Every structure is written in C-alpha cells, then in structure tokens.
Amino acid sequence: MTMKTFLKTFLKDESGASAAEYALIIAIVGVGIGAAALALGANVTEAIGGASDEVHACNNATAPAAAPSDYTSVTC
C-alpha cells in the first residue's frame, strides 16, 4: 500500500472512532519525533561546539619542540 493510497483510504474512512484514533496516534508520534529531533540537535550542537573549542585551544597552544610520531597521545 502506497502512502497516497493510504491517505485516500484514511480520508474516506467514515468509521469515526478509528479515524480519530489514527489521527491521535499520528499526532503523538509526530510530537515524539519532534522532541527527539530537538534533543538530538542540542546534543550535536554541544558536541560540535566542544570539538571546536578543543581545536581552537590546540591551535593557540605552543607547539612542542619535537612532534611525537604517535599523534594520538598529543595533548594540548
């Protein structure tokens, strides 16, 4: 069943209670998805901001005399 067919069937549904229940379920799921998107967006923004601060701090730090060969152990 395609979305277009589903929507046509949904709009023609005259059973009343079923259509209202489906609309309520769709509304609740939509609110849940919106809340999850806002929370995820805030977390991503915070993570990118933190990474940006770390990169900025490393770029402004004084460079060591000799760079180690293992860059994973370098701290700024």
C-alpha atoms as a PDB file:
ATOM      1  CA  MET A   1       0.000   0.000   0.000  1.00  0.00           C
ATOM      2  CA  THR A   2       1.470   3.307  -1.031  1.00  0.00           C
ATOM      3  CA  MET A   3       1.238   6.431   1.062  1.00  0.00           C
ATOM      4  CA  LYS A   4      -1.126   8.020  -1.473  1.00  0.00           C
ATOM      5  CA  THR A   5      -3.472   5.031  -1.283  1.00  0.00           C
ATOM      6  CA  PHE A   6      -3.272   5.022   2.499  1.00  0.00           C
ATOM      7  CA  LEU A   7      -4.150   8.711   2.717  1.00  0.00           C
ATOM      8  CA  LYS A   8      -7.090   8.320   0.308  1.00  0.00           C
ATOM      9  CA  THR A   9      -8.400   5.399   2.344  1.00  0.00           C
ATOM     10  CA  PHE A  10      -7.781   7.275   5.585  1.00  0.00           C
ATOM     11  CA  LEU A  11      -9.657  10.352   4.399  1.00  0.00           C
ATOM     12  CA  LYS A  12     -12.607   8.294   3.122  1.00  0.00           C
ATOM     13  CA  ASP A  13     -12.841   6.324   6.371  1.00  0.00           C
ATOM     14  CA  GLU A  14     -16.171   7.186   7.932  1.00  0.00           C
ATOM     15  CA  SER A  15     -15.956   4.933  10.933  1.00  0.00           C
ATOM     16  CA  GLY A  16     -15.293   7.944  13.125  1.00  0.00           C
ATOM     17  CA  ALA A  17     -13.606   6.400  16.135  1.00  0.00           C
ATOM     18  CA  SER A  18     -10.969   4.632  14.054  1.00  0.00           C
ATOM     19  CA  ALA A  19     -10.100   7.765  12.091  1.00  0.00           C
ATOM     20  CA  ALA A  20      -9.899   9.797  15.292  1.00  0.00           C
ATOM     21  CA  GLU A  21      -7.695   7.181  16.923  1.00  0.00           C
ATOM     22  CA  TYR A  22      -5.364   7.126  13.927  1.00  0.00           C
ATOM     23  CA  ALA A  23      -5.141  10.914  13.974  1.00  0.00           C
ATOM     24  CA  LEU A  24      -4.339  10.865  17.689  1.00  0.00           C
ATOM     25  CA  ILE A  25      -1.641   8.230  17.197  1.00  0.00           C
ATOM     26  CA  ILE A  26      -0.123  10.212  14.323  1.00  0.00           C
ATOM     27  CA  ALA A  27      -0.127  13.376  16.439  1.00  0.00           C
ATOM     28  CA  ILE A  28       1.546  11.647  19.403  1.00  0.00           C
ATOM     29  CA  VAL A  29       4.191  10.035  17.208  1.00  0.00           C
ATOM     30  CA  GLY A  30       4.809  13.385  15.497  1.00  0.00           C
ATOM     31  CA  VAL A  31       5.335  15.134  18.824  1.00  0.00           C
ATOM     32  CA  GLY A  32       7.704  12.355  19.901  1.00  0.00           C
ATOM     33  CA  ILE A  33       9.727  12.648  16.720  1.00  0.00           C
ATOM     34  CA  GLY A  34       9.871  16.433  17.107  1.00  0.00           C
ATOM     35  CA  ALA A  35      11.060  16.175  20.710  1.00  0.00           C
ATOM     36  CA  ALA A  36      13.702  13.618  19.757  1.00  0.00           C
ATOM     37  CA  ALA A  37      14.924  15.849  16.924  1.00  0.00           C
ATOM     38  CA  LEU A  38      15.243  18.829  19.271  1.00  0.00           C
ATOM     39  CA  ALA A  39      17.168  16.795  21.850  1.00  0.00           C
ATOM     40  CA  LEU A  40      19.436  15.301  19.210  1.00  0.00           C
ATOM     41  CA  GLY A  41      20.036  18.723  17.669  1.00  0.00           C
ATOM     42  CA  ALA A  42      21.024  20.165  21.038  1.00  0.00           C
ATOM     43  CA  ASN A  43      23.422  17.280  21.692  1.00  0.00           C
ATOM     44  CA  VAL A  44      25.016  17.583  18.265  1.00  0.00           C
ATOM     45  CA  THR A  45      25.395  21.345  18.680  1.00  0.00           C
ATOM     46  CA  GLU A  46      27.044  20.842  22.064  1.00  0.00           C
ATOM     47  CA  ALA A  47      29.406  18.158  20.730  1.00  0.00           C
ATOM     48  CA  ILE A  48      30.460  20.246  17.738  1.00  0.00           C
ATOM     49  CA  GLY A  49      30.946  23.296  19.954  1.00  0.00           C
ATOM     50  CA  GLY A  50      33.131  21.292  22.330  1.00  0.00           C
ATOM     51  CA  ALA A  51      35.198  19.919  19.458  1.00  0.00           C
ATOM     52  CA  SER A  52      35.558  23.419  18.056  1.00  0.00           C
ATOM     53  CA  ASP A  53      36.789  24.701  21.428  1.00  0.00           C
ATOM     54  CA  GLU A  54      39.346  21.882  21.641  1.00  0.00           C
ATOM     55  CA  VAL A  55      40.655  22.547  18.128  1.00  0.00           C
ATOM     56  CA  HIS A  56      40.856  26.273  18.858  1.00  0.00           C
ATOM     57  CA  ALA A  57      42.744  25.582  22.094  1.00  0.00           C
ATOM     58  CA  CYS A  58      45.183  23.278  20.318  1.00  0.00           C
ATOM     59  CA  ASN A  59      45.776  25.789  17.532  1.00  0.00           C
ATOM     60  CA  ASN A  60      46.579  28.519  20.059  1.00  0.00           C
ATOM     61  CA  ALA A  61      48.809  26.327  22.258  1.00  0.00           C
ATOM     62  CA  THR A  62      52.559  26.499  21.924  1.00  0.00           C
ATOM     63  CA  ALA A  63      53.924  23.712  19.729  1.00  0.00           C
ATOM     64  CA  PRO A  64      56.267  21.149  21.328  1.00  0.00           C
ATOM     65  CA  ALA A  65      59.928  21.239  20.286  1.00  0.00           C
ATOM     66  CA  ALA A  66      59.737  17.851  18.588  1.00  0.00           C
ATOM     67  CA  ALA A  67      56.434  16.390  17.498  1.00  0.00           C
ATOM     68  CA  PRO A  68      55.997  12.769  18.612  1.00  0.00           C
ATOM     69  CA  SER A  69      55.394  10.132  15.962  1.00  0.00           C
ATOM     70  CA  ASP A  70      52.232   8.944  17.729  1.00  0.00           C
ATOM     71  CA  TYR A  71      49.797  11.813  17.306  1.00  0.00           C
ATOM     72  CA  THR A  72      47.069  10.068  19.297  1.00  0.00           C
ATOM     73  CA  SER A  73      48.937  10.784  22.519  1.00  0.00           C
ATOM     74  CA  VAL A  74      49.385  14.507  21.837  1.00  0.00           C
ATOM     75  CA  THR A  75      47.563  16.756  24.278  1.00  0.00           C
ATOM     76  CA  CYS A  76      47.337  20.492  24.007  1.00  0.00           C
END
